[in-house]
Amino acid sequence: MVKIKDLTVDDLEYLIEQKVLEILGDPDSGLELKDEFKAELRERLKNSSKRISHQEVVKRVG
């Protein structure tokens, strides 16, 4: 068994996140997207100039 002192910060954060998800679950699990929303997403994806990368989101949000 791994001891906490041997974990990296990332490993510990991951374990905590997994435990929270296990306890609380995903409130959106089993829900379906409405057709109107799917169509809107498809339209947005066609305009690549408005897309931002994951790295940019992380920079902006932290």
C-alpha atoms as a PDB file:
ATOM      1  CA  MET A   1       0.000   0.000   0.000  1.00  0.00           C
ATOM      2  CA  VAL A   2       1.289   3.459  -0.938  1.00  0.00           C
ATOM      3  CA  LYS A   3       1.779   5.979   1.836  1.00  0.00           C
ATOM      4  CA  ILE A   4       0.595   9.555   1.469  1.00  0.00           C
ATOM      5  CA  LYS A   5       4.117  10.850   2.032  1.00  0.00           C
ATOM      6  CA  ASP A   6       5.196   8.989  -1.133  1.00  0.00           C
ATOM      7  CA  LEU A   7       2.545  10.596  -3.369  1.00  0.00           C
ATOM      8  CA  THR A   8       3.112  13.571  -5.611  1.00  0.00           C
ATOM      9  CA  VAL A   9       0.789  16.556  -5.307  1.00  0.00           C
ATOM     10  CA  ASP A  10      -0.834  15.545  -8.605  1.00  0.00           C
ATOM     11  CA  ASP A  11      -1.377  11.982  -7.361  1.00  0.00           C
ATOM     12  CA  LEU A  12      -2.983  13.234  -4.156  1.00  0.00           C
ATOM     13  CA  GLU A  13      -5.216  15.696  -6.016  1.00  0.00           C
ATOM     14  CA  TYR A  14      -6.316  12.904  -8.353  1.00  0.00           C
ATOM     15  CA  LEU A  15      -7.152  10.586  -5.457  1.00  0.00           C
ATOM     16  CA  ILE A  16      -9.164  13.296  -3.720  1.00  0.00           C
ATOM     17  CA  GLU A  17     -11.042  14.104  -6.922  1.00  0.00           C
ATOM     18  CA  GLN A  18     -11.840  10.433  -7.506  1.00  0.00           C
ATOM     19  CA  LYS A  19     -13.109  10.010  -3.942  1.00  0.00           C
ATOM     20  CA  VAL A  20     -15.334  13.102  -4.213  1.00  0.00           C
ATOM     21  CA  LEU A  21     -16.780  11.809  -7.492  1.00  0.00           C
ATOM     22  CA  GLU A  22     -17.325   8.399  -5.916  1.00  0.00           C
ATOM     23  CA  ILE A  23     -19.197   9.909  -2.968  1.00  0.00           C
ATOM     24  CA  LEU A  24     -21.177  12.624  -4.760  1.00  0.00           C
ATOM     25  CA  GLY A  25     -21.468  11.044  -8.170  1.00  0.00           C
ATOM     26  CA  ASP A  26     -22.060  12.915 -11.405  1.00  0.00           C
ATOM     27  CA  PRO A  27     -25.326  14.893 -11.241  1.00  0.00           C
ATOM     28  CA  ASP A  28     -25.537  14.875 -15.051  1.00  0.00           C
ATOM     29  CA  SER A  29     -25.077  11.128 -15.349  1.00  0.00           C
ATOM     30  CA  GLY A  30     -27.768   9.558 -17.487  1.00  0.00           C
ATOM     31  CA  LEU A  31     -29.089  12.873 -18.808  1.00  0.00           C
ATOM     32  CA  GLU A  32     -29.330  13.471 -22.537  1.00  0.00           C
ATOM     33  CA  LEU A  33     -28.609  16.639 -24.490  1.00  0.00           C
ATOM     34  CA  LYS A  34     -31.582  18.282 -26.201  1.00  0.00           C
ATOM     35  CA  ASP A  35     -31.532  18.210 -29.997  1.00  0.00           C
ATOM     36  CA  GLU A  36     -31.539  22.036 -30.098  1.00  0.00           C
ATOM     37  CA  PHE A  37     -28.436  22.137 -27.917  1.00  0.00           C
ATOM     38  CA  LYS A  38     -26.674  19.531 -30.056  1.00  0.00           C
ATOM     39  CA  ALA A  39     -27.429  21.598 -33.167  1.00  0.00           C
ATOM     40  CA  GLU A  40     -26.074  24.739 -31.484  1.00  0.00           C
ATOM     41  CA  LEU A  41     -22.864  22.916 -30.550  1.00  0.00           C
ATOM     42  CA  ARG A  42     -22.409  21.711 -34.121  1.00  0.00           C
ATOM     43  CA  GLU A  43     -22.787  25.283 -35.399  1.00  0.00           C
ATOM     44  CA  ARG A  44     -20.279  26.589 -32.875  1.00  0.00           C
ATOM     45  CA  LEU A  45     -17.764  23.907 -33.844  1.00  0.00           C
ATOM     46  CA  LYS A  46     -17.928  25.044 -37.470  1.00  0.00           C
ATOM     47  CA  ASN A  47     -16.433  28.417 -36.463  1.00  0.00           C
ATOM     48  CA  SER A  48     -12.887  27.493 -35.499  1.00  0.00           C
ATOM     49  CA  SER A  49     -11.866  31.133 -34.989  1.00  0.00           C
ATOM     50  CA  LYS A  50     -13.798  31.246 -31.709  1.00  0.00           C
ATOM     51  CA  ARG A  51     -12.215  28.083 -30.300  1.00  0.00           C
ATOM     52  CA  ILE A  52      -9.576  28.269 -27.600  1.00  0.00           C
ATOM     53  CA  SER A  53      -7.167  25.566 -26.547  1.00  0.00           C
ATOM     54  CA  HIS A  54      -7.239  23.699 -23.252  1.00  0.00           C
ATOM     55  CA  GLN A  55      -3.991  25.429 -22.298  1.00  0.00           C
ATOM     56  CA  GLU A  56      -5.582  28.838 -22.886  1.00  0.00           C
ATOM     57  CA  VAL A  57      -8.560  27.910 -20.704  1.00  0.00           C
ATOM     58  CA  VAL A  58      -6.202  26.828 -17.925  1.00  0.00           C
ATOM     59  CA  LYS A  59      -4.284  30.110 -18.252  1.00  0.00           C
ATOM     60  CA  ARG A  60      -7.468  32.178 -18.051  1.00  0.00           C
ATOM     61  CA  VAL A  61      -9.256  30.223 -15.334  1.00  0.00           C
ATOM     62  CA  GLY A  62      -6.338  28.874 -13.379  1.00  0.00           C
END
